[in-house]
N, C-alpha and C. Protein backbone atom coordinates (compact mmCIF):
# COMPACT_ATOMS: atom_id res chain seq x y z
N MET A 1 0.84 -1.19 -0.01
CA MET A 1 -0.01 -0.02 -0.02
C MET A 1 0.88 1.24 0.02
N ALA A 2 1.68 1.40 -0.93
CA ALA A 2 2.53 2.59 -1.03
C ALA A 2 1.81 3.63 -1.90
N GLY A 3 2.26 4.83 -1.75
CA GLY A 3 1.74 5.90 -2.63
C GLY A 3 2.24 5.79 -4.01
N ASN A 4 2.07 6.78 -4.81
CA ASN A 4 2.56 6.80 -6.17
C ASN A 4 4.04 6.62 -6.23
N GLU A 5 4.53 5.97 -7.27
CA GLU A 5 5.98 5.83 -7.41
C GLU A 5 6.58 7.24 -7.69
N SER A 6 5.75 8.11 -8.14
CA SER A 6 6.23 9.50 -8.56
C SER A 6 6.14 10.46 -7.35
N THR A 7 5.80 9.99 -6.23
CA THR A 7 5.70 10.87 -5.03
C THR A 7 7.07 11.50 -4.77
N GLN A 8 7.08 12.83 -4.61
CA GLN A 8 8.26 13.55 -4.37
C GLN A 8 8.13 14.34 -3.07
N TRP A 9 9.33 14.66 -2.46
CA TRP A 9 9.32 15.50 -1.27
C TRP A 9 10.65 16.17 -1.16
N ILE A 10 10.69 17.15 -0.23
CA ILE A 10 11.97 17.81 0.07
C ILE A 10 12.59 17.04 1.19
N ASP A 11 13.83 16.57 1.00
CA ASP A 11 14.55 15.77 2.00
C ASP A 11 15.38 16.77 2.88
N VAL A 12 15.00 16.86 4.15
CA VAL A 12 15.68 17.77 5.08
C VAL A 12 16.45 16.95 6.13
N THR A 13 16.97 15.82 5.73
CA THR A 13 17.67 14.99 6.70
C THR A 13 19.15 15.23 6.79
N THR A 14 19.65 16.14 5.95
CA THR A 14 21.09 16.45 6.00
C THR A 14 21.31 17.66 6.92
N ASP A 15 22.53 17.84 7.36
CA ASP A 15 22.87 18.96 8.25
C ASP A 15 22.63 20.33 7.67
N LYS A 16 22.68 20.40 6.30
CA LYS A 16 22.48 21.70 5.69
C LYS A 16 21.11 22.31 5.99
N PHE A 17 20.15 21.47 6.46
CA PHE A 17 18.83 21.93 6.73
C PHE A 17 18.65 22.23 8.21
N SER A 18 19.68 22.24 9.00
CA SER A 18 19.58 22.48 10.42
C SER A 18 20.05 23.96 10.65
N HIS A 19 19.15 24.77 11.22
CA HIS A 19 19.41 26.15 11.47
C HIS A 19 19.36 26.43 12.98
N ASP A 20 20.30 27.21 13.44
CA ASP A 20 20.39 27.58 14.86
C ASP A 20 19.08 28.22 15.30
N SER A 21 18.48 27.68 16.42
CA SER A 21 17.20 28.18 16.87
C SER A 21 17.20 29.63 17.28
N GLU A 22 18.37 30.17 17.55
CA GLU A 22 18.51 31.59 17.92
C GLU A 22 18.16 32.52 16.70
N LEU A 23 18.13 31.99 15.53
CA LEU A 23 17.75 32.73 14.36
C LEU A 23 16.23 32.91 14.16
N PHE A 24 15.45 32.21 14.98
CA PHE A 24 14.01 32.16 14.77
C PHE A 24 13.27 32.52 16.10
N VAL A 25 12.02 32.88 15.98
CA VAL A 25 11.16 33.07 17.16
C VAL A 25 10.67 31.67 17.51
N ILE A 26 11.04 31.26 18.70
CA ILE A 26 10.62 29.92 19.20
C ILE A 26 9.53 30.18 20.28
N PRO A 27 8.40 29.53 20.12
CA PRO A 27 7.36 29.70 21.15
C PRO A 27 7.90 29.41 22.55
N ASP A 28 7.43 30.08 23.54
CA ASP A 28 7.93 29.93 24.94
C ASP A 28 7.85 28.48 25.42
N HIS A 29 6.73 27.81 25.05
CA HIS A 29 6.59 26.39 25.51
C HIS A 29 7.61 25.43 24.89
N TYR A 30 8.32 25.85 23.90
CA TYR A 30 9.39 25.00 23.32
C TYR A 30 10.79 25.46 23.70
N LYS A 31 10.91 26.65 24.33
CA LYS A 31 12.23 27.13 24.70
C LYS A 31 12.92 26.15 25.64
N GLY A 32 14.17 25.96 25.34
CA GLY A 32 14.96 24.98 26.13
C GLY A 32 14.86 23.56 25.57
N ASP A 33 13.85 23.31 24.73
CA ASP A 33 13.70 21.95 24.16
C ASP A 33 14.15 21.89 22.71
N VAL A 34 14.16 23.01 22.03
CA VAL A 34 14.45 23.07 20.61
C VAL A 34 15.89 23.55 20.39
N ASP A 35 16.69 22.64 19.82
CA ASP A 35 18.08 23.04 19.51
C ASP A 35 18.23 23.76 18.16
N ASN A 36 17.48 23.32 17.20
CA ASN A 36 17.58 23.86 15.87
C ASN A 36 16.24 23.77 15.16
N VAL A 37 16.14 24.56 14.10
CA VAL A 37 14.99 24.60 13.22
C VAL A 37 15.39 23.84 11.92
N ILE A 38 14.61 22.87 11.60
CA ILE A 38 14.84 22.05 10.41
C ILE A 38 14.19 22.71 9.20
N ILE A 39 12.86 23.07 9.42
CA ILE A 39 12.15 23.63 8.25
C ILE A 39 11.45 24.92 8.69
N PRO A 40 11.91 26.06 8.15
CA PRO A 40 11.28 27.32 8.47
C PRO A 40 9.86 27.36 7.97
N HIS A 41 9.01 28.17 8.69
CA HIS A 41 7.63 28.26 8.38
C HIS A 41 7.27 28.60 6.94
N GLY A 42 8.00 29.54 6.37
CA GLY A 42 7.75 29.97 5.01
C GLY A 42 7.97 28.83 4.02
N LEU A 43 8.97 28.00 4.23
CA LEU A 43 9.23 26.82 3.41
C LEU A 43 8.07 25.84 3.51
N ILE A 44 7.61 25.62 4.74
CA ILE A 44 6.45 24.74 4.97
C ILE A 44 5.24 25.24 4.17
N MET A 45 4.94 26.57 4.30
CA MET A 45 3.77 27.11 3.58
C MET A 45 3.90 27.01 2.08
N ASP A 46 5.07 27.26 1.54
CA ASP A 46 5.28 27.10 0.12
C ASP A 46 5.02 25.66 -0.34
N ARG A 47 5.57 24.69 0.45
CA ARG A 47 5.41 23.30 0.07
C ARG A 47 3.94 22.89 0.14
N ILE A 48 3.18 23.40 1.13
CA ILE A 48 1.76 23.06 1.28
C ILE A 48 1.01 23.61 0.04
N ASN A 49 1.41 24.80 -0.48
CA ASN A 49 0.79 25.33 -1.64
C ASN A 49 1.05 24.43 -2.88
N LYS A 50 2.29 23.87 -2.89
CA LYS A 50 2.61 22.92 -4.04
C LYS A 50 1.77 21.65 -3.91
N LEU A 51 1.62 21.15 -2.70
CA LEU A 51 0.81 19.96 -2.52
C LEU A 51 -0.62 20.21 -2.93
N ALA A 52 -1.19 21.41 -2.59
CA ALA A 52 -2.51 21.79 -3.05
C ALA A 52 -2.62 21.79 -4.57
N GLN A 53 -1.60 22.32 -5.19
CA GLN A 53 -1.63 22.37 -6.65
C GLN A 53 -1.62 20.93 -7.22
N LEU A 54 -0.85 20.03 -6.69
CA LEU A 54 -0.87 18.61 -7.17
C LEU A 54 -2.20 17.96 -6.89
N ILE A 55 -2.77 18.19 -5.77
CA ILE A 55 -4.10 17.56 -5.43
C ILE A 55 -5.23 18.08 -6.37
N THR A 56 -5.20 19.40 -6.62
CA THR A 56 -6.27 19.96 -7.55
C THR A 56 -6.04 19.45 -8.96
N GLN A 57 -4.78 19.08 -9.34
CA GLN A 57 -4.56 18.54 -10.68
C GLN A 57 -5.08 17.06 -10.74
N ASP A 58 -5.11 16.37 -9.63
CA ASP A 58 -5.47 15.00 -9.57
C ASP A 58 -6.98 14.76 -9.40
N PHE A 59 -7.73 15.73 -8.96
CA PHE A 59 -9.13 15.57 -8.64
C PHE A 59 -9.95 16.65 -9.31
N ASN A 60 -11.13 16.30 -9.82
CA ASN A 60 -12.04 17.26 -10.39
C ASN A 60 -13.41 17.23 -9.71
N GLU A 61 -13.72 16.04 -9.11
CA GLU A 61 -15.06 15.92 -8.47
C GLU A 61 -14.85 16.07 -6.98
N ARG A 62 -15.92 16.07 -6.27
CA ARG A 62 -16.01 16.27 -4.79
C ARG A 62 -14.94 15.37 -4.11
N LEU A 63 -14.15 15.96 -3.23
CA LEU A 63 -13.14 15.29 -2.46
C LEU A 63 -13.41 15.42 -1.03
N ILE A 64 -13.41 14.32 -0.27
CA ILE A 64 -13.59 14.34 1.15
C ILE A 64 -12.21 14.33 1.75
N LEU A 65 -11.86 15.44 2.41
CA LEU A 65 -10.61 15.57 3.16
C LEU A 65 -10.83 15.12 4.58
N CYS A 66 -10.10 14.19 5.06
CA CYS A 66 -10.26 13.60 6.36
C CYS A 66 -9.04 13.86 7.20
N CYS A 67 -9.14 14.77 8.17
CA CYS A 67 -8.07 15.13 9.09
C CYS A 67 -7.87 14.06 10.18
N VAL A 68 -6.64 13.59 10.29
CA VAL A 68 -6.26 12.69 11.39
C VAL A 68 -5.89 13.57 12.59
N LEU A 69 -6.67 13.50 13.56
CA LEU A 69 -6.48 14.30 14.81
C LEU A 69 -5.55 13.57 15.78
N LYS A 70 -4.90 14.22 16.61
CA LYS A 70 -4.95 15.63 16.86
C LYS A 70 -3.86 16.33 16.08
N GLY A 71 -2.76 15.64 15.80
CA GLY A 71 -1.59 16.23 15.23
C GLY A 71 -1.75 16.89 13.89
N GLY A 72 -2.66 16.35 13.06
CA GLY A 72 -2.79 16.86 11.73
C GLY A 72 -3.61 18.11 11.54
N HIS A 73 -4.13 18.66 12.59
CA HIS A 73 -5.09 19.76 12.41
C HIS A 73 -4.54 20.99 11.78
N GLN A 74 -3.33 21.41 12.09
CA GLN A 74 -2.78 22.67 11.51
C GLN A 74 -2.43 22.45 10.08
N PHE A 75 -1.79 21.30 9.71
CA PHE A 75 -1.49 20.99 8.34
C PHE A 75 -2.83 20.93 7.53
N PHE A 76 -3.79 20.27 8.12
CA PHE A 76 -5.10 20.13 7.46
C PHE A 76 -5.68 21.50 7.12
N SER A 77 -5.69 22.38 8.13
CA SER A 77 -6.24 23.73 7.94
C SER A 77 -5.50 24.48 6.83
N ASP A 78 -4.19 24.41 6.86
CA ASP A 78 -3.41 25.11 5.85
C ASP A 78 -3.58 24.54 4.48
N LEU A 79 -3.68 23.21 4.44
CA LEU A 79 -3.88 22.54 3.13
C LEU A 79 -5.27 22.85 2.57
N VAL A 80 -6.34 22.84 3.36
CA VAL A 80 -7.67 23.16 2.92
C VAL A 80 -7.74 24.58 2.37
N ASN A 81 -7.10 25.54 3.10
CA ASN A 81 -7.07 26.91 2.63
C ASN A 81 -6.35 27.02 1.34
N ALA A 82 -5.21 26.30 1.14
CA ALA A 82 -4.49 26.37 -0.08
C ALA A 82 -5.27 25.77 -1.21
N ILE A 83 -5.98 24.66 -1.01
CA ILE A 83 -6.78 24.03 -2.02
C ILE A 83 -7.93 24.98 -2.47
N LYS A 84 -8.53 25.67 -1.53
CA LYS A 84 -9.61 26.63 -1.84
C LYS A 84 -9.17 27.73 -2.80
N LYS A 85 -7.90 28.07 -2.83
CA LYS A 85 -7.35 29.11 -3.66
C LYS A 85 -6.98 28.65 -5.08
N ARG A 86 -7.01 27.27 -5.29
CA ARG A 86 -6.62 26.72 -6.58
C ARG A 86 -7.79 26.31 -7.41
N THR A 87 -7.57 26.07 -8.70
CA THR A 87 -8.60 25.53 -9.53
C THR A 87 -8.13 24.14 -10.12
N THR A 88 -9.11 23.38 -10.44
CA THR A 88 -8.82 22.07 -11.06
C THR A 88 -8.37 22.27 -12.50
N LEU A 89 -8.03 21.19 -13.15
CA LEU A 89 -7.71 21.25 -14.58
C LEU A 89 -8.86 21.70 -15.44
N LYS A 90 -10.11 21.52 -14.93
CA LYS A 90 -11.26 22.00 -15.63
C LYS A 90 -11.57 23.44 -15.34
N GLY A 91 -10.75 24.11 -14.52
CA GLY A 91 -10.89 25.50 -14.23
C GLY A 91 -11.89 25.86 -13.11
N ASN A 92 -12.37 24.82 -12.39
CA ASN A 92 -13.28 25.00 -11.30
C ASN A 92 -12.54 24.91 -9.92
N THR A 93 -13.13 25.42 -8.89
CA THR A 93 -12.63 25.17 -7.56
C THR A 93 -13.00 23.73 -7.24
N LEU A 94 -12.23 23.10 -6.46
CA LEU A 94 -12.48 21.67 -6.05
C LEU A 94 -13.54 21.57 -4.97
N PRO A 95 -14.70 20.94 -5.27
CA PRO A 95 -15.65 20.80 -4.15
C PRO A 95 -15.11 19.89 -3.14
N MET A 96 -15.26 20.25 -1.87
CA MET A 96 -14.73 19.48 -0.77
C MET A 96 -15.70 19.24 0.36
N GLY A 97 -15.53 18.11 1.04
CA GLY A 97 -16.21 17.88 2.29
C GLY A 97 -15.10 17.63 3.31
N LEU A 98 -15.38 17.99 4.57
CA LEU A 98 -14.37 17.81 5.59
C LEU A 98 -14.83 16.84 6.66
N GLU A 99 -13.94 15.93 7.03
CA GLU A 99 -14.20 14.91 8.10
C GLU A 99 -13.02 14.96 9.06
N PHE A 100 -13.27 14.48 10.25
CA PHE A 100 -12.23 14.43 11.29
C PHE A 100 -12.26 13.06 11.91
N ILE A 101 -11.05 12.52 12.13
CA ILE A 101 -10.96 11.13 12.67
C ILE A 101 -9.80 11.06 13.65
N ARG A 102 -10.00 10.27 14.67
CA ARG A 102 -8.93 9.91 15.61
C ARG A 102 -8.60 8.45 15.32
N VAL A 103 -7.36 8.17 15.22
CA VAL A 103 -6.87 6.86 14.91
C VAL A 103 -5.95 6.35 15.98
N LYS A 104 -6.10 5.16 16.45
CA LYS A 104 -5.25 4.59 17.45
C LYS A 104 -4.97 3.12 17.08
N SER A 105 -3.67 2.81 17.01
CA SER A 105 -3.28 1.42 16.79
C SER A 105 -2.18 1.00 17.77
N TYR A 106 -1.92 1.82 18.70
CA TYR A 106 -0.91 1.57 19.75
C TYR A 106 -1.52 1.43 21.10
N HIS A 107 -0.96 0.55 21.92
CA HIS A 107 -1.26 0.47 23.33
C HIS A 107 0.05 0.67 24.01
N ASN A 108 0.12 1.76 24.82
CA ASN A 108 1.39 2.22 25.39
C ASN A 108 2.36 2.50 24.22
N ASP A 109 3.47 1.80 24.06
CA ASP A 109 4.33 2.08 22.96
C ASP A 109 4.45 0.94 22.01
N GLN A 110 3.50 -0.02 22.01
CA GLN A 110 3.50 -1.16 21.16
C GLN A 110 2.29 -1.16 20.23
N SER A 111 2.57 -1.44 18.94
CA SER A 111 1.44 -1.52 17.97
C SER A 111 0.61 -2.77 18.32
N SER A 112 -0.74 -2.52 18.34
CA SER A 112 -1.65 -3.63 18.62
C SER A 112 -1.95 -4.37 17.30
N GLY A 113 -1.60 -3.84 16.20
CA GLY A 113 -1.97 -4.45 14.90
C GLY A 113 -3.42 -4.27 14.53
N GLU A 114 -4.16 -3.63 15.40
CA GLU A 114 -5.59 -3.35 15.14
C GLU A 114 -5.81 -1.85 15.26
N VAL A 115 -6.49 -1.31 14.27
CA VAL A 115 -6.73 0.13 14.26
C VAL A 115 -8.09 0.43 14.83
N LYS A 116 -8.08 1.40 15.76
CA LYS A 116 -9.41 1.83 16.31
C LYS A 116 -9.59 3.27 15.84
N ILE A 117 -10.75 3.52 15.24
CA ILE A 117 -10.99 4.87 14.71
C ILE A 117 -12.24 5.43 15.36
N SER A 118 -12.32 6.74 15.36
CA SER A 118 -13.41 7.45 16.09
C SER A 118 -14.66 7.62 15.24
N MET A 119 -14.64 7.31 13.97
CA MET A 119 -15.84 7.50 13.12
C MET A 119 -16.80 6.34 13.37
N THR A 120 -18.11 6.65 13.39
CA THR A 120 -19.13 5.62 13.62
C THR A 120 -19.30 4.78 12.38
N GLU A 121 -19.92 3.67 12.52
CA GLU A 121 -20.21 2.75 11.39
C GLU A 121 -21.02 3.51 10.27
N SER A 122 -21.94 4.30 10.71
CA SER A 122 -22.77 5.12 9.76
C SER A 122 -21.87 6.07 9.02
N GLU A 123 -20.98 6.79 9.66
CA GLU A 123 -20.11 7.73 9.10
C GLU A 123 -19.18 7.00 8.08
N LEU A 124 -18.69 5.88 8.45
CA LEU A 124 -17.86 5.09 7.54
C LEU A 124 -18.57 4.63 6.33
N ARG A 125 -19.79 4.14 6.47
CA ARG A 125 -20.58 3.65 5.34
C ARG A 125 -20.86 4.87 4.39
N SER A 126 -20.91 6.11 4.88
CA SER A 126 -21.21 7.25 4.00
C SER A 126 -19.99 7.56 3.05
N LEU A 127 -18.89 6.90 3.25
CA LEU A 127 -17.68 7.10 2.39
C LEU A 127 -17.81 6.27 1.15
N GLU A 128 -18.75 5.34 1.00
CA GLU A 128 -18.85 4.50 -0.16
C GLU A 128 -18.93 5.30 -1.43
N GLY A 129 -18.15 4.97 -2.40
CA GLY A 129 -18.16 5.64 -3.73
C GLY A 129 -17.55 7.01 -3.80
N LYS A 130 -16.92 7.47 -2.75
CA LYS A 130 -16.37 8.81 -2.67
C LYS A 130 -14.85 8.78 -2.75
N ASP A 131 -14.29 9.93 -3.20
CA ASP A 131 -12.82 10.10 -3.20
C ASP A 131 -12.44 10.65 -1.88
N ILE A 132 -11.50 10.04 -1.21
CA ILE A 132 -11.08 10.39 0.16
C ILE A 132 -9.61 10.78 0.13
N LEU A 133 -9.28 11.86 0.81
CA LEU A 133 -7.88 12.20 1.04
C LEU A 133 -7.64 12.30 2.56
N ILE A 134 -6.87 11.31 3.05
CA ILE A 134 -6.56 11.29 4.45
C ILE A 134 -5.37 12.29 4.62
N VAL A 135 -5.50 13.21 5.60
CA VAL A 135 -4.51 14.26 5.82
C VAL A 135 -3.86 13.99 7.23
N GLU A 136 -2.57 13.74 7.20
CA GLU A 136 -1.83 13.31 8.39
C GLU A 136 -0.64 14.24 8.57
N ASP A 137 -0.20 14.49 9.82
CA ASP A 137 0.94 15.37 10.00
C ASP A 137 2.27 14.64 9.75
N ILE A 138 2.39 13.38 10.20
CA ILE A 138 3.69 12.72 10.08
C ILE A 138 3.41 11.20 9.97
N ILE A 139 4.17 10.56 9.02
CA ILE A 139 4.22 9.13 8.95
C ILE A 139 5.51 8.67 9.56
N ASP A 140 5.38 7.91 10.59
CA ASP A 140 6.62 7.39 11.31
C ASP A 140 6.94 6.02 10.79
N THR A 141 6.39 4.97 11.38
CA THR A 141 6.65 3.60 10.92
C THR A 141 5.78 3.26 9.73
N GLY A 142 4.60 3.91 9.59
CA GLY A 142 3.66 3.56 8.52
C GLY A 142 2.63 2.51 8.93
N LEU A 143 2.81 1.92 10.08
CA LEU A 143 1.90 0.83 10.50
C LEU A 143 0.46 1.32 10.66
N THR A 144 0.29 2.39 11.37
CA THR A 144 -1.06 2.95 11.64
C THR A 144 -1.72 3.24 10.33
N MET A 145 -1.05 3.94 9.44
CA MET A 145 -1.71 4.33 8.13
C MET A 145 -2.11 3.06 7.35
N VAL A 146 -1.22 2.08 7.22
CA VAL A 146 -1.54 0.93 6.48
C VAL A 146 -2.75 0.20 7.08
N ASN A 147 -2.86 0.17 8.39
CA ASN A 147 -4.03 -0.45 9.07
C ASN A 147 -5.26 0.38 8.77
N LEU A 148 -5.17 1.71 8.85
CA LEU A 148 -6.32 2.57 8.61
C LEU A 148 -6.82 2.36 7.12
N LEU A 149 -5.92 2.30 6.15
CA LEU A 149 -6.27 2.15 4.77
C LEU A 149 -6.92 0.82 4.56
N LYS A 150 -6.44 -0.24 5.20
CA LYS A 150 -7.10 -1.54 5.08
C LYS A 150 -8.54 -1.52 5.63
N HIS A 151 -8.65 -0.85 6.75
CA HIS A 151 -10.01 -0.70 7.38
C HIS A 151 -10.94 0.06 6.47
N LEU A 152 -10.51 1.14 5.87
CA LEU A 152 -11.37 1.99 5.03
C LEU A 152 -11.79 1.23 3.77
N GLU A 153 -10.93 0.40 3.23
CA GLU A 153 -11.27 -0.40 2.01
C GLU A 153 -12.58 -1.14 2.18
N LYS A 154 -12.92 -1.55 3.40
CA LYS A 154 -14.14 -2.33 3.63
C LYS A 154 -15.42 -1.55 3.34
N TYR A 155 -15.28 -0.20 3.21
CA TYR A 155 -16.41 0.66 3.02
C TYR A 155 -16.52 1.16 1.52
N ASN A 156 -15.67 0.63 0.69
CA ASN A 156 -15.78 0.81 -0.76
C ASN A 156 -15.79 2.24 -1.23
N PRO A 157 -14.83 3.02 -0.75
CA PRO A 157 -14.63 4.37 -1.37
C PRO A 157 -14.19 4.20 -2.78
N ARG A 158 -14.45 5.26 -3.62
CA ARG A 158 -13.97 5.22 -4.98
C ARG A 158 -12.46 5.27 -5.02
N SER A 159 -11.85 6.10 -4.19
CA SER A 159 -10.39 6.18 -4.07
C SER A 159 -10.02 6.73 -2.69
N VAL A 160 -8.85 6.29 -2.25
CA VAL A 160 -8.27 6.81 -0.98
C VAL A 160 -6.83 7.14 -1.23
N LYS A 161 -6.51 8.38 -1.01
CA LYS A 161 -5.12 8.85 -1.07
C LYS A 161 -4.74 9.46 0.26
N VAL A 162 -3.40 9.60 0.46
CA VAL A 162 -2.93 10.16 1.76
C VAL A 162 -1.98 11.28 1.44
N ALA A 163 -2.17 12.38 2.22
CA ALA A 163 -1.23 13.51 2.22
C ALA A 163 -0.63 13.59 3.62
N SER A 164 0.69 13.66 3.67
CA SER A 164 1.35 13.82 4.94
C SER A 164 2.38 14.90 4.84
N LEU A 165 2.39 15.83 5.83
CA LEU A 165 3.38 16.89 5.79
C LEU A 165 4.81 16.32 5.89
N LEU A 166 4.97 15.35 6.78
CA LEU A 166 6.30 14.79 7.02
C LEU A 166 6.27 13.28 6.94
N ILE A 167 7.36 12.74 6.46
CA ILE A 167 7.65 11.31 6.66
C ILE A 167 8.98 11.21 7.33
N LYS A 168 9.07 10.30 8.30
CA LYS A 168 10.27 10.15 9.09
C LYS A 168 11.14 9.09 8.48
N LYS A 169 12.44 9.39 8.24
CA LYS A 169 13.35 8.35 7.74
C LYS A 169 13.84 7.56 8.91
N THR A 170 13.24 6.44 9.14
CA THR A 170 13.55 5.60 10.27
C THR A 170 13.72 4.12 9.88
N PRO A 171 14.56 3.42 10.47
CA PRO A 171 14.74 2.00 10.19
C PRO A 171 13.51 1.20 10.61
N ARG A 172 12.62 1.74 11.41
CA ARG A 172 11.42 1.07 11.83
C ARG A 172 10.28 1.17 10.79
N SER A 173 10.49 1.89 9.74
CA SER A 173 9.49 2.10 8.70
C SER A 173 9.14 0.76 7.96
N ASN A 174 7.81 0.61 7.66
CA ASN A 174 7.41 -0.53 6.87
C ASN A 174 7.49 -0.25 5.39
N GLY A 175 7.99 0.95 5.03
CA GLY A 175 8.16 1.33 3.62
C GLY A 175 6.97 2.02 3.02
N TYR A 176 5.91 2.30 3.81
CA TYR A 176 4.77 2.97 3.25
C TYR A 176 5.11 4.43 2.92
N ILE A 177 4.74 4.84 1.72
CA ILE A 177 4.96 6.24 1.26
C ILE A 177 3.61 6.78 0.80
N PRO A 178 3.20 7.91 1.45
CA PRO A 178 1.89 8.53 1.05
C PRO A 178 1.92 9.06 -0.39
N ASP A 179 0.73 9.42 -0.91
CA ASP A 179 0.64 9.90 -2.27
C ASP A 179 1.16 11.34 -2.40
N TYR A 180 1.03 12.11 -1.31
CA TYR A 180 1.52 13.52 -1.35
C TYR A 180 2.34 13.71 -0.04
N VAL A 181 3.58 14.14 -0.15
CA VAL A 181 4.48 14.33 0.95
C VAL A 181 5.14 15.70 0.90
N GLY A 182 5.20 16.38 2.06
CA GLY A 182 5.85 17.65 2.08
C GLY A 182 7.37 17.45 2.25
N PHE A 183 7.81 16.84 3.36
CA PHE A 183 9.21 16.73 3.65
C PHE A 183 9.61 15.35 4.25
N ALA A 184 10.75 14.92 4.04
CA ALA A 184 11.34 13.78 4.69
C ALA A 184 12.21 14.33 5.85
N VAL A 185 11.98 13.89 7.08
CA VAL A 185 12.78 14.44 8.22
C VAL A 185 13.63 13.26 8.84
N PRO A 186 14.69 13.69 9.61
CA PRO A 186 15.46 12.61 10.23
C PRO A 186 14.68 11.88 11.31
N ASP A 187 15.29 10.80 11.76
CA ASP A 187 14.64 10.00 12.81
C ASP A 187 14.87 10.60 14.20
N LEU A 188 14.22 11.79 14.36
CA LEU A 188 14.31 12.57 15.59
C LEU A 188 12.91 12.96 16.01
N PHE A 189 12.75 13.37 17.24
CA PHE A 189 11.45 13.86 17.73
C PHE A 189 11.36 15.30 17.17
N VAL A 190 10.32 15.57 16.38
CA VAL A 190 10.15 16.89 15.75
C VAL A 190 8.91 17.51 16.35
N VAL A 191 8.94 18.89 16.50
CA VAL A 191 7.82 19.63 16.97
C VAL A 191 7.56 20.77 16.06
N GLY A 192 6.40 21.35 16.08
CA GLY A 192 6.07 22.52 15.29
C GLY A 192 4.63 22.81 15.23
């Protein structure tokens, strides 16, 4: 269940993408915890606009954007706003519906192998025949996303694609690559 073979991203895993935190305004609640800035805000926003362009090129009909809470809410908001400013290849704005989902496949720090989602059976059945874009903040091992996608297949959506702002380059990865990716980050704890 990998994304497109043509999925591209900006790789910020090298030292050249590490900037001294003293060069940026760091929120007070992160002071003392953040050593450096990997991706400045302006670069993130530019990349989100590019992802919006790619998404509007791929879809012409109503798209259901499904935000994976809690972490994905800011990326989701920025992506939805960027999509609203773009037009499809047919010259129209992309009709969208918005959904929100909590996904859990871990108990403590171990994957349970079973995905638990917050959407009701009725809400899941309403996805039948629709184009779905799952919007996630970060793909770490890929296990949760693969389990979520398997679960959603049971409800016969027309298509399901995934957009993630970040993918983590980690040896624990199962190799899953989303359809739309902003950046590849090193195997570190990242905040933002």
